Amino acid sequence: MRIRTKNLKKETSGVIKKLFVSHSDLDGAGCLAIARHFNDKLKFTAMISRDYDFELDEEDFEYMKTFNEIIIADLSIKEEKTKELRELGIIVRFFDHHESAVWLKDEKDSSYNLDYCGTYLFWNDYVKKFISRYPLIIDEFVSLVNVYDLWKQEDELWERAKNLNSVLYGVKNYSAGSNYYKMLPFFELFEQKISHLTEWTETRKEKLLVAKSNKREQDMYEKAVKNMTIREDKKGKLFGTFALVSKISVVCSRILQEQENLDYIVCFNTWGGLTGKLSFRSQEGFNCNDLGSAHGHDCAAGGRISPDMAIKVMENMDYVFTYNEDYDENDINTSIEKV
């Protein structure tokens, strides 16, 4: 449900208001779980979960303007939008690690580091400044999130980290209205563990969720391999494209490991239908952010085109994705081209 910002301003006039914004994946969920637990110290008035480019939604941006301070973790907003908020006297701070937010490296009051995930940066560079003692299991949780989000498959924690992501998506309440409320069962699980355990261990129920997730992963993998088309872009790079409703990151990773001839993969995320939401994954050495519509890490990014454009790409192999030099961020139609 959207908050009517006009009324919100009237009802809270004169009150110092502080907003926390984080992403909708495991890293974002980690940030939010920690923020909720320590909110008696952090004093957030509201917390929301959003996706990349959320600030371009007019209602979301107007909502942000109703706060005195905004903390954003595992996400960022465009530099010009940040400037617009700061010109209104709003404090805006970031804790991010995405290549698309490289402008943050010169920000004095923010934390930007490609070597750590958003949860790690938010926890170590922000939350710890407000607290004195905490359950040490939180450090273990942060490490698991960090290993998964940075896709450290060679790390000894990888399987446990991957399982944690499976549990998040297994317990989500998909019938809830917003990303934040969908994750409430995960936040409750987090509270139970840090209150009663000294190590992050899986319950019988969680193990069943992991097994179900692994079966789903195999099904999605087989579907992707069967339906994938391979084409060459204007720079001679080979990429595969297919549509999946879930398990996108791990399926793309498996395919790239097995088909080393592919430089990158573009997957259409069909959760909720063919909306034009994209996931980019690449081999080491190919930067996804060189593609105009991709925003995120070098080897893992997100993006969006229109549903009509998505249909064009899926039905016509002559269409490829444009590079930055041919892309106009103010014109979504420049995201693809024929070769």
Protein backbone atom coordinates (compact mmCIF):
# COMPACT_ATOMS: atom_id res chain seq x y z
CA MET A 1 0.00 0.00 0.00
CA ARG A 2 1.29 3.46 -0.89
CA ILE A 3 1.58 6.10 1.80
CA ARG A 4 -0.13 9.36 0.98
CA THR A 5 2.75 11.73 1.56
CA LYS A 6 0.66 14.89 1.62
CA ASN A 7 -1.24 13.72 4.71
CA LEU A 8 1.93 12.32 6.26
CA LYS A 9 3.52 15.76 6.23
CA LYS A 10 0.56 17.31 8.05
CA GLU A 11 0.35 14.61 10.70
CA THR A 12 4.06 14.67 11.62
CA SER A 13 4.89 18.35 11.25
CA GLY A 14 7.81 19.34 13.48
CA VAL A 15 8.92 15.74 14.13
CA ILE A 16 12.45 14.63 13.15
CA LYS A 17 11.85 11.84 10.68
CA LYS A 18 14.37 9.26 9.55
CA LEU A 19 13.89 6.82 6.65
CA PHE A 20 15.77 3.59 6.01
CA VAL A 21 15.75 2.11 2.49
CA SER A 22 17.28 -1.17 1.41
CA HIS A 23 17.08 -3.67 -1.43
CA SER A 24 14.68 -6.60 -1.91
CA ASP A 25 17.24 -9.45 -2.08
CA LEU A 26 19.09 -11.32 0.70
CA ASP A 27 21.56 -8.46 1.16
CA GLY A 28 18.73 -5.98 1.51
CA ALA A 29 16.87 -8.31 3.86
CA GLY A 30 20.01 -8.56 5.99
CA CYS A 31 20.21 -4.80 6.29
CA LEU A 32 16.55 -4.53 7.22
CA ALA A 33 16.68 -7.36 9.76
CA ILE A 34 19.56 -5.66 11.57
CA ALA A 35 17.93 -2.22 11.36
CA ARG A 36 14.71 -3.59 12.87
CA HIS A 37 16.52 -5.31 15.73
CA PHE A 38 18.48 -2.24 16.75
CA ASN A 39 15.88 0.40 15.94
CA ASP A 40 15.61 1.45 19.57
CA LYS A 41 19.10 2.89 19.01
CA LEU A 42 18.90 3.79 15.31
CA LYS A 43 15.54 5.63 15.58
CA PHE A 44 14.20 5.02 12.07
CA THR A 45 10.72 6.41 11.61
CA ALA A 46 10.06 4.16 8.63
CA MET A 47 11.75 1.34 6.72
CA ILE A 48 11.05 0.31 3.14
CA SER A 49 12.40 -2.22 0.64
CA ARG A 50 12.85 -1.14 -2.96
CA ASP A 51 14.53 -2.16 -6.23
CA TYR A 52 17.07 -0.36 -8.43
CA ASP A 53 15.98 3.06 -9.78
CA PHE A 54 13.14 3.31 -7.26
CA GLU A 55 13.79 7.05 -6.99
CA LEU A 56 12.50 7.47 -10.54
CA ASP A 57 9.02 6.59 -9.29
CA GLU A 58 7.47 10.00 -8.64
CA GLU A 59 5.45 8.86 -5.63
CA ASP A 60 8.45 7.20 -4.00
CA PHE A 61 10.58 10.29 -4.54
CA GLU A 62 7.93 12.58 -3.08
CA TYR A 63 7.70 10.26 -0.09
CA MET A 64 11.44 10.57 0.47
CA LYS A 65 11.08 14.34 0.58
CA THR A 66 8.95 14.06 3.75
CA PHE A 67 11.95 12.93 5.82
CA ASN A 68 14.76 14.84 7.50
CA GLU A 69 17.31 12.07 7.07
CA ILE A 70 17.54 9.11 4.68
CA ILE A 71 19.87 6.12 5.07
CA ILE A 72 20.12 3.86 2.00
CA ALA A 73 21.93 0.49 2.15
CA ASP A 74 22.66 -2.00 -0.64
CA LEU A 75 21.14 0.54 -3.00
CA SER A 76 21.82 4.03 -4.20
CA ILE A 77 19.99 6.70 -6.12
CA LYS A 78 21.28 8.85 -8.93
CA GLU A 79 23.63 11.69 -8.02
CA GLU A 80 21.29 14.37 -9.36
CA LYS A 81 18.39 13.00 -7.31
CA THR A 82 20.60 12.99 -4.21
CA LYS A 83 21.49 16.62 -4.86
CA GLU A 84 17.83 17.50 -5.21
CA LEU A 85 17.07 15.98 -1.81
CA ARG A 86 20.04 17.65 -0.15
CA GLU A 87 19.01 21.03 -1.53
CA LEU A 88 15.85 20.58 0.54
CA GLY A 89 18.02 20.19 3.64
CA ILE A 90 17.62 16.40 3.81
CA ILE A 91 20.60 14.36 5.02
CA VAL A 92 21.25 11.45 2.64
CA ARG A 93 23.81 8.72 3.39
CA PHE A 94 24.65 5.53 1.49
CA PHE A 95 26.14 2.14 2.33
CA ASP A 96 26.57 0.54 -1.07
CA HIS A 97 28.89 -1.61 -3.17
CA HIS A 98 27.57 -1.49 -6.73
CA GLU A 99 29.73 -0.38 -9.65
CA SER A 100 26.87 1.76 -10.93
CA ALA A 101 27.21 3.90 -7.78
CA VAL A 102 30.92 4.64 -8.20
CA TRP A 103 30.27 8.35 -7.65
CA LEU A 104 29.83 7.50 -3.95
CA LYS A 105 33.57 6.90 -3.52
CA ASP A 106 34.05 10.63 -2.90
CA GLU A 107 31.20 10.86 -0.38
CA LYS A 108 32.58 11.69 3.08
CA ASP A 109 29.57 10.57 5.13
CA SER A 110 28.76 7.43 3.16
CA SER A 111 30.43 4.03 2.89
CA TYR A 112 31.25 2.67 -0.57
CA ASN A 113 33.37 -0.45 -0.97
CA LEU A 114 33.27 -3.03 -3.76
CA ASP A 115 34.84 -5.68 -1.51
CA TYR A 116 31.88 -6.01 0.86
CA CYS A 117 28.11 -6.36 0.56
CA GLY A 118 25.60 -3.77 1.73
CA THR A 119 24.76 -5.66 4.93
CA TYR A 120 28.44 -5.74 5.92
CA LEU A 121 28.91 -2.02 5.26
CA PHE A 122 25.70 -1.00 7.03
CA TRP A 123 26.48 -3.21 10.03
CA ASN A 124 30.16 -2.33 10.47
CA ASP A 125 30.22 1.30 9.32
CA TYR A 126 26.89 2.50 10.70
CA VAL A 127 25.01 0.30 13.18
CA LYS A 128 27.99 -0.58 15.38
CA LYS A 129 28.52 3.11 16.11
CA PHE A 130 25.19 3.18 17.94
CA ILE A 131 25.56 0.02 20.05
CA SER A 132 27.95 -1.34 22.66
CA ARG A 133 27.08 -5.03 23.02
CA TYR A 134 25.36 -7.43 20.63
CA PRO A 135 24.88 -11.18 20.03
CA LEU A 136 27.98 -12.46 18.22
CA ILE A 137 25.78 -14.63 15.99
CA ILE A 138 25.03 -11.44 14.05
CA ASP A 139 28.63 -11.35 12.80
CA GLU A 140 28.15 -14.90 11.49
CA PHE A 141 24.90 -13.89 9.79
CA VAL A 142 26.62 -10.91 8.15
CA SER A 143 29.43 -13.17 6.90
CA LEU A 144 26.91 -15.54 5.30
CA VAL A 145 25.13 -12.70 3.56
CA ASN A 146 28.45 -11.29 2.38
CA VAL A 147 29.59 -14.61 0.89
CA TYR A 148 26.32 -15.12 -0.96
CA ASP A 149 25.89 -11.57 -2.25
CA LEU A 150 29.48 -11.40 -3.52
CA TRP A 151 29.00 -14.87 -5.01
CA LYS A 152 32.07 -16.38 -3.32
CA GLN A 153 31.51 -19.95 -4.47
CA GLU A 154 34.98 -21.03 -3.35
CA ASP A 155 34.42 -19.85 0.22
CA GLU A 156 33.93 -22.53 2.89
CA LEU A 157 30.69 -20.76 3.89
CA TRP A 158 29.22 -20.91 0.37
CA GLU A 159 26.76 -23.78 0.84
CA ARG A 160 25.45 -22.36 4.11
CA ALA A 161 25.21 -18.91 2.53
CA LYS A 162 23.32 -20.29 -0.45
CA ASN A 163 21.00 -22.14 1.93
CA LEU A 164 20.30 -18.89 3.79
CA ASN A 165 19.14 -17.32 0.55
CA SER A 166 16.90 -20.34 -0.10
CA VAL A 167 15.37 -19.96 3.35
CA LEU A 168 14.63 -16.27 2.72
CA TYR A 169 12.69 -17.03 -0.43
CA GLY A 170 11.13 -20.10 1.14
CA VAL A 171 9.59 -18.25 4.09
CA LYS A 172 8.58 -15.08 2.24
CA ASN A 173 4.90 -14.19 2.40
CA TYR A 174 4.26 -13.58 -1.29
CA SER A 175 0.67 -12.51 -0.70
CA ALA A 176 1.78 -9.49 1.37
CA GLY A 177 1.50 -6.10 -0.26
CA SER A 178 5.06 -4.77 -0.34
CA ASN A 179 8.61 -6.14 -0.45
CA TYR A 180 9.08 -5.20 3.19
CA TYR A 181 5.99 -7.03 4.43
CA LYS A 182 6.81 -10.06 2.28
CA MET A 183 10.03 -10.41 4.29
CA LEU A 184 8.45 -10.23 7.76
CA PRO A 185 8.68 -14.03 8.32
CA PHE A 186 12.41 -13.82 7.61
CA PHE A 187 12.81 -10.96 10.07
CA GLU A 188 11.01 -13.05 12.70
CA LEU A 189 13.33 -16.00 11.97
CA PHE A 190 16.32 -13.68 12.40
CA GLU A 191 15.03 -12.53 15.78
CA GLN A 192 14.48 -16.10 16.97
CA LYS A 193 17.97 -17.20 16.03
CA ILE A 194 19.89 -14.29 17.52
CA SER A 195 17.80 -14.53 20.70
CA HIS A 196 18.18 -18.26 21.31
CA LEU A 197 21.25 -19.51 19.42
CA THR A 198 24.99 -18.86 19.51
CA GLU A 199 25.57 -20.20 15.98
CA TRP A 200 23.53 -19.83 12.79
CA THR A 201 22.18 -23.35 12.36
CA GLU A 202 19.28 -24.64 10.24
CA THR A 203 16.12 -26.10 11.71
CA ARG A 204 14.42 -29.17 10.25
CA LYS A 205 11.89 -26.90 8.55
CA GLU A 206 14.65 -24.81 6.99
CA LYS A 207 16.39 -27.95 5.70
CA LEU A 208 13.15 -28.96 4.00
CA LEU A 209 12.94 -25.51 2.41
CA VAL A 210 16.53 -25.88 1.15
CA ALA A 211 15.77 -29.30 -0.36
CA LYS A 212 12.70 -27.89 -2.09
CA SER A 213 14.77 -24.98 -3.35
CA ASN A 214 17.43 -27.30 -4.78
CA LYS A 215 14.77 -29.26 -6.66
CA ARG A 216 13.37 -26.00 -8.02
CA GLU A 217 16.86 -24.94 -9.07
CA GLN A 218 17.34 -28.10 -11.13
CA ASP A 219 13.95 -27.66 -12.81
CA MET A 220 14.75 -24.05 -13.73
CA TYR A 221 18.19 -25.02 -14.97
CA GLU A 222 16.79 -27.64 -17.33
CA LYS A 223 14.18 -25.21 -18.60
CA ALA A 224 16.79 -22.49 -19.22
CA VAL A 225 19.13 -24.80 -21.14
CA LYS A 226 16.25 -26.05 -23.28
CA ASN A 227 14.89 -22.60 -24.17
CA MET A 228 18.09 -20.53 -24.36
CA THR A 229 18.90 -18.71 -27.58
CA ILE A 230 22.50 -17.70 -28.31
CA ARG A 231 23.29 -14.60 -30.34
CA GLU A 232 26.16 -12.24 -31.08
CA ASP A 233 26.05 -8.56 -30.14
CA LYS A 234 27.50 -5.64 -32.13
CA LYS A 235 30.93 -6.09 -30.50
CA GLY A 236 31.12 -9.77 -31.34
CA LYS A 237 30.32 -10.96 -27.82
CA LEU A 238 28.23 -14.11 -27.49
CA PHE A 239 25.33 -14.04 -25.05
CA GLY A 240 22.50 -16.35 -24.13
CA THR A 241 18.98 -15.26 -23.34
CA PHE A 242 16.02 -17.02 -21.77
CA ALA A 243 13.15 -16.35 -19.35
CA LEU A 244 12.82 -17.71 -15.83
CA VAL A 245 10.46 -17.09 -12.95
CA SER A 246 12.99 -17.92 -10.21
CA LYS A 247 16.50 -19.21 -9.39
CA ILE A 248 18.00 -16.79 -11.91
CA SER A 249 21.38 -16.11 -10.30
CA VAL A 250 22.34 -19.70 -9.62
CA VAL A 251 21.05 -20.97 -12.99
CA CYS A 252 22.94 -18.29 -14.90
CA SER A 253 26.08 -19.09 -12.92
CA ARG A 254 25.81 -22.80 -13.72
CA ILE A 255 25.33 -22.15 -17.43
CA LEU A 256 28.27 -19.74 -17.62
CA GLN A 257 30.49 -22.29 -15.88
CA GLU A 258 29.46 -25.01 -18.33
CA GLN A 259 29.41 -22.89 -21.51
CA GLU A 260 32.60 -20.88 -21.39
CA ASN A 261 32.03 -19.65 -24.96
CA LEU A 262 29.32 -17.34 -23.63
CA ASP A 263 30.46 -13.89 -22.54
CA TYR A 264 27.25 -13.08 -20.73
CA ILE A 265 23.61 -14.03 -20.17
CA VAL A 266 20.49 -11.89 -20.14
CA CYS A 267 17.55 -13.46 -18.32
CA PHE A 268 14.01 -12.10 -18.42
CA ASN A 269 12.58 -12.29 -14.93
CA THR A 270 8.98 -13.44 -15.38
CA TRP A 271 7.95 -13.30 -11.75
CA GLY A 272 4.65 -11.42 -12.00
CA GLY A 273 4.63 -11.80 -15.79
CA LEU A 274 6.82 -10.50 -18.58
CA THR A 275 7.41 -7.02 -17.15
CA GLY A 276 10.73 -6.31 -18.87
CA LYS A 277 12.77 -6.85 -15.70
CA LEU A 278 16.23 -8.16 -16.62
CA SER A 279 19.09 -9.95 -14.91
CA PHE A 280 22.58 -9.75 -16.46
CA ARG A 281 25.31 -12.26 -15.55
CA SER A 282 28.73 -12.53 -17.15
CA GLN A 283 32.05 -14.31 -17.24
CA GLU A 284 34.94 -12.61 -15.44
CA GLY A 285 36.37 -10.06 -17.83
CA PHE A 286 33.06 -8.84 -19.22
CA ASN A 287 31.55 -5.89 -17.36
CA CYS A 288 27.75 -6.01 -17.40
CA ASN A 289 27.68 -2.28 -16.67
CA ASP A 290 29.07 -1.65 -20.17
CA LEU A 291 25.58 -2.48 -21.41
CA GLY A 292 23.34 0.57 -21.31
CA SER A 293 20.38 -0.91 -19.46
CA ALA A 294 22.45 -2.83 -16.88
CA HIS A 295 23.17 -1.45 -13.41
CA GLY A 296 24.98 -3.27 -10.60
CA HIS A 297 28.13 -5.35 -10.24
CA ASP A 298 30.63 -6.15 -12.98
CA CYS A 299 29.44 -9.76 -13.31
CA ALA A 300 25.89 -9.42 -11.95
CA ALA A 301 23.52 -6.57 -12.69
CA GLY A 302 19.86 -5.75 -13.10
CA GLY A 303 17.91 -3.67 -15.56
CA ARG A 304 14.55 -3.09 -17.16
CA ILE A 305 13.05 -2.56 -20.60
CA SER A 306 9.41 -2.28 -21.60
CA PRO A 307 7.28 -5.45 -21.88
CA ASP A 308 6.86 -4.80 -25.62
CA MET A 309 10.63 -4.57 -26.05
CA ALA A 310 11.06 -7.79 -24.09
CA ILE A 311 8.74 -9.58 -26.49
CA LYS A 312 10.73 -8.24 -29.45
CA VAL A 313 14.00 -9.57 -28.06
CA MET A 314 12.54 -12.94 -27.16
CA GLU A 315 10.84 -13.45 -30.52
CA ASN A 316 13.47 -11.98 -32.86
CA MET A 317 17.11 -13.05 -32.62
CA ASP A 318 18.20 -9.99 -34.60
CA TYR A 319 17.72 -7.87 -31.46
CA VAL A 320 20.63 -7.37 -29.05
CA PHE A 321 21.31 -5.07 -26.10
CA THR A 322 23.10 -1.77 -26.71
CA TYR A 323 26.32 -0.61 -25.07
CA ASN A 324 26.63 2.63 -23.13
CA GLU A 325 27.83 4.65 -26.13
CA ASP A 326 24.58 3.91 -27.96
CA TYR A 327 22.29 4.17 -24.95
CA ASP A 328 20.30 7.22 -23.80
CA GLU A 329 19.09 6.80 -20.21
CA ASN A 330 16.21 9.16 -20.99
CA ASP A 331 14.98 6.93 -23.83
CA ILE A 332 14.26 3.33 -22.90
CA ASN A 333 13.93 2.46 -26.59
CA THR A 334 17.70 2.78 -26.93
CA SER A 335 18.18 -0.30 -24.69
CA ILE A 336 18.04 -2.65 -27.67
CA GLU A 337 18.90 -2.56 -31.36
CA LYS A 338 18.91 -4.77 -34.41
CA VAL A 339 22.16 -6.17 -35.81
